Amino acid sequence: MSPLVLSVVLSLVSAVAYAGAAIVQERVAAAASGPTYAPLRNPVWWGAVLLNGLGAALHVVALAYGPLSVVQPLGALTIVFALPMAALFVCRPAGRRAWHGALMATAGLAGLLSVVDGGEGRTPDGGESRLLAVATFAAVAALFVLARLVGRSALRGVALAAAAGVAFGVASVFTKAVAEEWSPDAPLAEWGSALVLSALAVTGLLLSQASYRGAGLAAPLATVTVVNPVVAATVGLTLFGEGFRYGAAGAVAALVCGAVAAGGLVELTLDRLARPGGDGPSASDGDAARPEVGEGVDVGAVPGTRPHLEVEVRSRAVAGRS
């Protein structure tokens, strides 16, 4: 098997691993109660963590055997693999609009990555790394606050997924810096960048887990898949001297592809909003199945003789006691 074919196979398997991890994360989020960001006691969630780690490892190995221009666009297939896998394994088929949005996001991202030239550039120095880390955590915090303020679960999930994508994208920048600057003669010289990398990776994992709660699978996954490499490419273009292939034509093509990818994300978000429960807290939030105050409630038959029956009204729930 040639190195190019091997890199393609590894990239495809990596995308499948990422897709499987996303499906597991969404299922864990749908079954959880309360605002659980890290269900540490759930072994199924740890399976998703392992799948994410496997996908990342395969992606790195694929880059060792094949060019960035081939490996990166293939990573955009994660959302395309996730939709049929969800229909097959957890009986969650996607509608026509979701497929349309997923294909738009994937095609736009693949086109964008194909014209970004990441082969030439410099690594950040200490001051630039600190500034980038501060700006990244500020952006992630702002998106997290925005998600807390948004009432609709689908939009909240997209905002959290965007924050996760920002964290993962900048973590890729620090990964590249650590890999290029690390030396066996001074193994701890890049400990600061390695610490930031670890913090961003954990933050991205927790935010991506939270993004699936009440927002379904497709929209948060597509948002992370698109935002992650776009942020990494933007940092490389603006700060570290990278550029576009084909000069001005490549820059125009990148803008068009970015618009296509953004349109796909909008389609996926609108598809989720149009679904029952997509306009507010979904059934997975634990409130949809409970009666609202003012609705008729059947508390069932009360055994024995009860001269009085008190009804205690709680927030968004009704409980009876004798």
Protein backbone atom coordinates (compact mmCIF):
# COMPACT_ATOMS: atom_id res chain seq x y z
CA MET A 1 0.00 0.00 0.00
CA SER A 2 1.40 3.39 -1.00
CA PRO A 3 1.85 6.11 1.64
CA LEU A 4 -0.84 8.25 -0.02
CA VAL A 5 -3.42 5.45 0.00
CA LEU A 6 -2.52 4.63 3.61
CA SER A 7 -3.03 8.27 4.64
CA VAL A 8 -6.45 8.31 2.93
CA VAL A 9 -7.53 5.10 4.69
CA LEU A 10 -6.32 6.39 8.07
CA SER A 11 -8.12 9.69 7.51
CA LEU A 12 -11.40 7.92 6.71
CA VAL A 13 -11.11 5.65 9.75
CA SER A 14 -10.32 8.72 11.86
CA ALA A 15 -13.49 10.43 10.61
CA VAL A 16 -15.53 7.31 11.45
CA ALA A 17 -14.05 7.27 14.98
CA TYR A 18 -14.92 10.93 15.48
CA ALA A 19 -18.45 10.30 14.18
CA GLY A 20 -18.93 7.34 16.53
CA ALA A 21 -17.70 9.42 19.47
CA ALA A 22 -20.17 12.19 18.62
CA ILE A 23 -23.08 9.73 18.46
CA VAL A 24 -22.16 8.29 21.86
CA GLN A 25 -21.78 11.78 23.35
CA GLU A 26 -25.19 12.83 22.05
CA ARG A 27 -26.82 9.69 23.47
CA VAL A 28 -25.18 10.27 26.86
CA ALA A 29 -26.36 13.89 26.83
CA ALA A 30 -29.92 12.87 25.92
CA ALA A 31 -30.07 10.36 28.78
CA ALA A 32 -28.43 12.55 31.43
CA SER A 33 -30.33 14.59 34.00
CA GLY A 34 -29.12 17.99 35.06
CA PRO A 35 -26.49 20.19 33.39
CA THR A 36 -23.88 17.45 33.17
CA TYR A 37 -20.74 18.61 31.36
CA ALA A 38 -18.55 15.63 32.27
CA PRO A 39 -20.48 12.45 33.17
CA LEU A 40 -17.40 10.90 34.74
CA ARG A 41 -19.31 8.01 36.27
CA ASN A 42 -20.77 6.91 32.95
CA PRO A 43 -18.53 4.28 31.32
CA VAL A 44 -20.24 4.88 27.98
CA TRP A 45 -18.96 8.47 28.01
CA TRP A 46 -15.42 7.23 28.57
CA GLY A 47 -15.90 5.12 25.47
CA ALA A 48 -16.60 8.34 23.56
CA VAL A 49 -13.42 9.85 25.02
CA LEU A 50 -11.42 6.85 23.80
CA LEU A 51 -12.97 7.13 20.34
CA ASN A 52 -12.04 10.81 20.20
CA GLY A 53 -8.49 9.93 21.21
CA LEU A 54 -8.35 7.19 18.57
CA GLY A 55 -9.58 9.61 15.90
CA ALA A 56 -6.95 12.19 16.88
CA ALA A 57 -4.16 9.60 16.87
CA LEU A 58 -5.17 8.28 13.44
CA HIS A 59 -5.34 11.83 12.10
CA VAL A 60 -1.79 12.52 13.27
CA VAL A 61 -0.50 9.29 11.73
CA ALA A 62 -2.30 10.09 8.48
CA LEU A 63 -0.51 13.44 8.37
CA ALA A 64 2.79 11.59 8.74
CA TYR A 65 2.08 9.55 5.59
CA GLY A 66 0.14 11.99 3.43
CA PRO A 67 0.00 15.68 2.56
CA LEU A 68 -2.04 18.15 4.59
CA SER A 69 -4.04 19.08 1.48
CA VAL A 70 -5.44 15.53 1.34
CA VAL A 71 -5.77 14.62 5.01
CA GLN A 72 -7.46 17.77 6.28
CA PRO A 73 -10.38 17.83 3.79
CA LEU A 74 -11.08 14.15 4.45
CA GLY A 75 -11.54 14.98 8.12
CA ALA A 76 -14.55 17.04 7.11
CA LEU A 77 -16.40 13.81 6.30
CA THR A 78 -17.13 13.25 9.99
CA ILE A 79 -20.61 14.75 9.80
CA VAL A 80 -21.40 12.79 6.59
CA PHE A 81 -20.46 9.54 8.31
CA ALA A 82 -22.31 10.44 11.51
CA LEU A 83 -25.77 10.77 9.96
CA PRO A 84 -26.07 7.24 8.49
CA MET A 85 -24.30 5.76 11.52
CA ALA A 86 -26.86 7.41 13.82
CA ALA A 87 -29.70 6.06 11.68
CA LEU A 88 -28.18 2.57 11.71
CA PHE A 89 -27.07 2.21 15.33
CA VAL A 90 -29.43 4.43 17.37
CA CYS A 91 -32.41 4.69 14.99
CA ARG A 92 -32.06 8.45 14.49
CA PRO A 93 -32.57 9.02 10.74
CA ALA A 94 -31.86 12.48 9.36
CA GLY A 95 -34.26 14.37 7.14
CA ARG A 96 -33.61 15.84 3.72
CA ARG A 97 -32.81 19.28 5.10
CA ALA A 98 -30.28 17.88 7.57
CA TRP A 99 -28.55 15.94 4.79
CA HIS A 100 -28.51 19.03 2.60
CA GLY A 101 -26.94 21.09 5.37
CA ALA A 102 -24.41 18.38 6.22
CA LEU A 103 -23.28 18.04 2.62
CA MET A 104 -23.03 21.83 2.24
CA ALA A 105 -20.94 22.14 5.40
CA THR A 106 -18.68 19.25 4.38
CA ALA A 107 -18.18 20.45 0.79
CA GLY A 108 -17.51 24.02 1.90
CA LEU A 109 -15.02 22.96 4.56
CA ALA A 110 -13.23 20.53 2.26
CA GLY A 111 -12.92 23.23 -0.39
CA LEU A 112 -11.65 25.76 2.14
CA LEU A 113 -9.02 23.42 3.52
CA SER A 114 -7.87 22.45 0.03
CA VAL A 115 -6.81 26.04 -0.76
CA VAL A 116 -5.17 26.83 2.60
CA ASP A 117 -1.43 26.31 2.43
CA GLY A 118 -0.25 25.21 5.86
CA GLY A 119 3.14 24.02 4.69
CA GLU A 120 4.98 27.31 5.06
CA GLY A 121 4.89 29.36 8.21
CA ARG A 122 6.61 29.99 11.46
CA THR A 123 5.91 28.86 14.98
CA PRO A 124 4.72 31.40 17.56
CA ASP A 125 7.15 32.87 20.05
CA GLY A 126 6.48 33.09 23.77
CA GLY A 127 4.66 36.43 23.69
CA GLU A 128 2.47 35.43 20.76
CA SER A 129 1.60 32.13 22.44
CA ARG A 130 0.50 33.88 25.63
CA LEU A 131 -1.56 36.42 23.72
CA LEU A 132 -3.18 33.68 21.65
CA ALA A 133 -4.00 31.66 24.77
CA VAL A 134 -5.60 34.64 26.53
CA ALA A 135 -7.61 35.60 23.43
CA THR A 136 -8.77 32.02 22.96
CA PHE A 137 -10.00 31.53 26.52
CA ALA A 138 -11.72 34.94 26.33
CA ALA A 139 -13.51 33.93 23.11
CA VAL A 140 -14.50 30.56 24.58
CA ALA A 141 -15.82 32.27 27.74
CA ALA A 142 -17.82 34.76 25.65
CA LEU A 143 -19.43 31.97 23.63
CA PHE A 144 -20.17 30.05 26.82
CA VAL A 145 -21.92 33.08 28.33
CA LEU A 146 -23.85 33.56 25.08
CA ALA A 147 -24.97 29.93 25.24
CA ARG A 148 -26.21 30.45 28.79
CA LEU A 149 -28.24 33.46 27.69
CA VAL A 150 -29.85 31.77 24.68
CA GLY A 151 -33.25 30.26 25.44
CA ARG A 152 -33.52 27.83 22.55
CA SER A 153 -31.72 24.53 23.07
CA ALA A 154 -30.66 24.23 19.41
CA LEU A 155 -29.02 27.66 19.39
CA ARG A 156 -27.47 27.00 22.79
CA GLY A 157 -25.95 23.79 21.47
CA VAL A 158 -24.52 25.54 18.41
CA ALA A 159 -22.95 28.27 20.60
CA LEU A 160 -21.36 25.67 22.87
CA ALA A 161 -20.16 23.70 19.85
CA ALA A 162 -18.63 26.87 18.40
CA ALA A 163 -16.78 27.40 21.69
CA ALA A 164 -15.56 23.80 21.54
CA GLY A 165 -14.43 24.31 17.95
CA VAL A 166 -12.45 27.40 18.94
CA ALA A 167 -10.75 25.48 21.75
CA PHE A 168 -9.92 22.52 19.50
CA GLY A 169 -8.73 24.75 16.66
CA VAL A 170 -6.26 26.70 18.77
CA ALA A 171 -5.21 23.46 20.48
CA SER A 172 -4.16 22.28 17.00
CA VAL A 173 -1.98 25.39 16.67
CA PHE A 174 -0.27 24.66 19.99
CA THR A 175 0.10 20.99 19.01
CA LYS A 176 1.98 22.02 15.90
CA ALA A 177 4.17 24.41 17.91
CA VAL A 178 5.02 21.77 20.52
CA ALA A 179 5.73 19.12 17.86
CA GLU A 180 8.06 21.40 15.89
CA GLU A 181 9.91 22.92 18.84
CA TRP A 182 10.24 19.84 21.07
CA SER A 183 13.75 18.49 21.45
CA PRO A 184 14.99 15.44 23.39
CA ASP A 185 17.79 17.60 24.76
CA ALA A 186 15.24 19.90 26.45
CA PRO A 187 12.04 17.86 26.84
CA LEU A 188 10.39 20.38 29.21
CA ALA A 189 11.24 23.52 27.23
CA GLU A 190 7.70 23.69 25.79
CA TRP A 191 5.89 22.91 29.04
CA GLY A 192 3.87 26.14 28.87
CA SER A 193 2.49 25.40 25.41
CA ALA A 194 1.84 21.78 26.42
CA LEU A 195 -0.12 22.97 29.46
CA VAL A 196 -2.24 25.34 27.35
CA LEU A 197 -2.76 22.55 24.81
CA SER A 198 -4.03 20.19 27.51
CA ALA A 199 -6.36 22.80 28.99
CA LEU A 200 -7.83 23.63 25.58
CA ALA A 201 -8.31 19.96 24.70
CA VAL A 202 -10.16 19.22 27.95
CA THR A 203 -12.23 22.41 27.62
CA GLY A 204 -13.19 21.52 24.06
CA LEU A 205 -14.19 17.98 25.08
CA LEU A 206 -16.43 19.21 27.92
CA LEU A 207 -18.04 21.92 25.79
CA SER A 208 -18.70 19.52 22.93
CA GLN A 209 -20.37 17.12 25.37
CA ALA A 210 -22.57 19.94 26.68
CA SER A 211 -23.46 21.08 23.15
CA TYR A 212 -25.40 17.90 22.40
CA ARG A 213 -27.83 18.39 25.27
CA GLY A 214 -31.18 19.23 23.71
CA ALA A 215 -29.63 20.19 20.37
CA GLY A 216 -29.50 16.82 18.64
CA LEU A 217 -26.48 15.43 16.81
CA ALA A 218 -26.08 17.07 13.41
CA ALA A 219 -25.92 20.80 14.18
CA PRO A 220 -23.40 20.67 17.09
CA LEU A 221 -21.20 18.10 15.34
CA ALA A 222 -21.14 20.08 12.09
CA THR A 223 -20.34 23.26 14.00
CA VAL A 224 -17.36 21.69 15.78
CA THR A 225 -16.19 20.04 12.55
CA VAL A 226 -16.26 23.36 10.66
CA VAL A 227 -15.12 25.80 13.35
CA ASN A 228 -12.13 23.72 14.48
CA PRO A 229 -10.08 23.77 11.24
CA VAL A 230 -11.35 27.21 10.22
CA VAL A 231 -10.05 28.73 13.46
CA ALA A 232 -6.73 26.90 13.12
CA ALA A 233 -6.37 28.06 9.51
CA THR A 234 -7.32 31.64 10.44
CA VAL A 235 -4.68 31.76 13.18
CA GLY A 236 -2.09 30.40 10.77
CA LEU A 237 -3.01 32.92 8.09
CA THR A 238 -3.16 36.00 10.31
CA LEU A 239 -0.36 35.37 12.81
CA PHE A 240 2.09 32.83 11.49
CA GLY A 241 2.70 33.66 7.85
CA GLU A 242 0.69 30.93 6.17
CA GLY A 243 -1.22 31.67 2.96
CA PHE A 244 -3.57 30.44 0.26
CA ARG A 245 -2.68 28.34 -2.71
CA TYR A 246 -3.19 29.98 -6.10
CA GLY A 247 -2.81 33.51 -4.71
CA ALA A 248 -5.81 35.84 -5.05
CA ALA A 249 -7.89 33.16 -6.78
CA GLY A 250 -7.34 30.88 -3.80
CA ALA A 251 -8.41 33.61 -1.39
CA VAL A 252 -11.65 34.17 -3.35
CA ALA A 253 -12.29 30.43 -3.46
CA ALA A 254 -11.75 30.25 0.30
CA LEU A 255 -14.35 32.96 0.88
CA VAL A 256 -16.87 31.17 -1.32
CA CYS A 257 -16.22 27.83 0.37
CA GLY A 258 -16.50 29.46 3.79
CA ALA A 259 -19.88 30.91 2.83
CA VAL A 260 -21.05 27.47 1.65
CA ALA A 261 -19.94 25.86 4.92
CA ALA A 262 -21.69 28.58 6.94
CA GLY A 263 -24.85 28.06 4.91
CA GLY A 264 -24.73 24.38 5.76
CA LEU A 265 -24.50 25.16 9.47
CA VAL A 266 -27.50 27.48 9.17
CA GLU A 267 -29.46 24.74 7.39
CA LEU A 268 -28.66 22.24 10.14
CA THR A 269 -29.62 24.70 12.87
CA LEU A 270 -32.91 25.58 11.18
CA ASP A 271 -33.64 21.88 10.70
CA ARG A 272 -33.23 21.34 14.43
CA LEU A 273 -35.37 24.38 15.28
CA ALA A 274 -38.12 23.08 13.01
CA ARG A 275 -38.28 19.75 14.80
CA PRO A 276 -40.68 19.20 17.72
CA GLY A 277 -38.91 20.28 20.90
CA GLY A 278 -36.20 22.10 18.99
CA ASP A 279 -37.53 25.54 19.88
CA GLY A 280 -36.94 25.21 23.58
CA PRO A 281 -35.87 22.66 26.16
CA SER A 282 -36.25 19.23 24.67
CA ALA A 283 -37.44 16.06 26.26
CA SER A 284 -33.83 15.25 27.07
CA ASP A 285 -33.72 18.32 29.31
CA GLY A 286 -36.01 16.53 31.72
CA ASP A 287 -38.80 19.11 31.66
CA ALA A 288 -40.74 18.36 28.52
CA ALA A 289 -42.47 15.32 30.01
CA ARG A 290 -43.60 17.16 33.14
CA PRO A 291 -46.94 18.98 33.31
CA GLU A 292 -46.91 22.75 33.54
CA VAL A 293 -48.61 24.63 36.35
CA GLY A 294 -52.22 25.19 35.38
CA GLU A 295 -52.59 21.98 33.40
CA GLY A 296 -54.88 19.19 34.49
CA VAL A 297 -52.96 16.47 36.31
CA ASP A 298 -54.13 12.94 36.97
CA VAL A 299 -52.45 11.80 40.18
CA GLY A 300 -54.04 8.38 39.98
CA ALA A 301 -56.22 6.52 42.43
CA VAL A 302 -55.54 7.08 46.13
CA PRO A 303 -55.95 3.83 48.12
CA GLY A 304 -57.98 3.82 51.33
CA THR A 305 -60.11 6.57 52.82
CA ARG A 306 -58.62 10.05 52.60
CA PRO A 307 -60.79 12.87 53.95
CA HIS A 308 -58.24 15.40 52.73
CA LEU A 309 -55.75 15.37 49.91
CA GLU A 310 -53.11 18.05 49.76
CA VAL A 311 -51.51 18.93 46.45
CA GLU A 312 -48.08 20.52 46.54
CA VAL A 313 -47.22 22.57 43.45
CA ARG A 314 -43.54 22.78 42.64
CA SER A 315 -41.67 24.48 39.83
CA ARG A 316 -42.68 22.82 36.53
CA ALA A 317 -43.84 19.68 38.36
CA VAL A 318 -46.81 18.51 40.44
CA ALA A 319 -46.52 16.18 43.41
CA GLY A 320 -49.37 14.77 45.53
CA ARG A 321 -49.34 13.61 49.12
CA SER A 322 -51.99 12.47 51.53
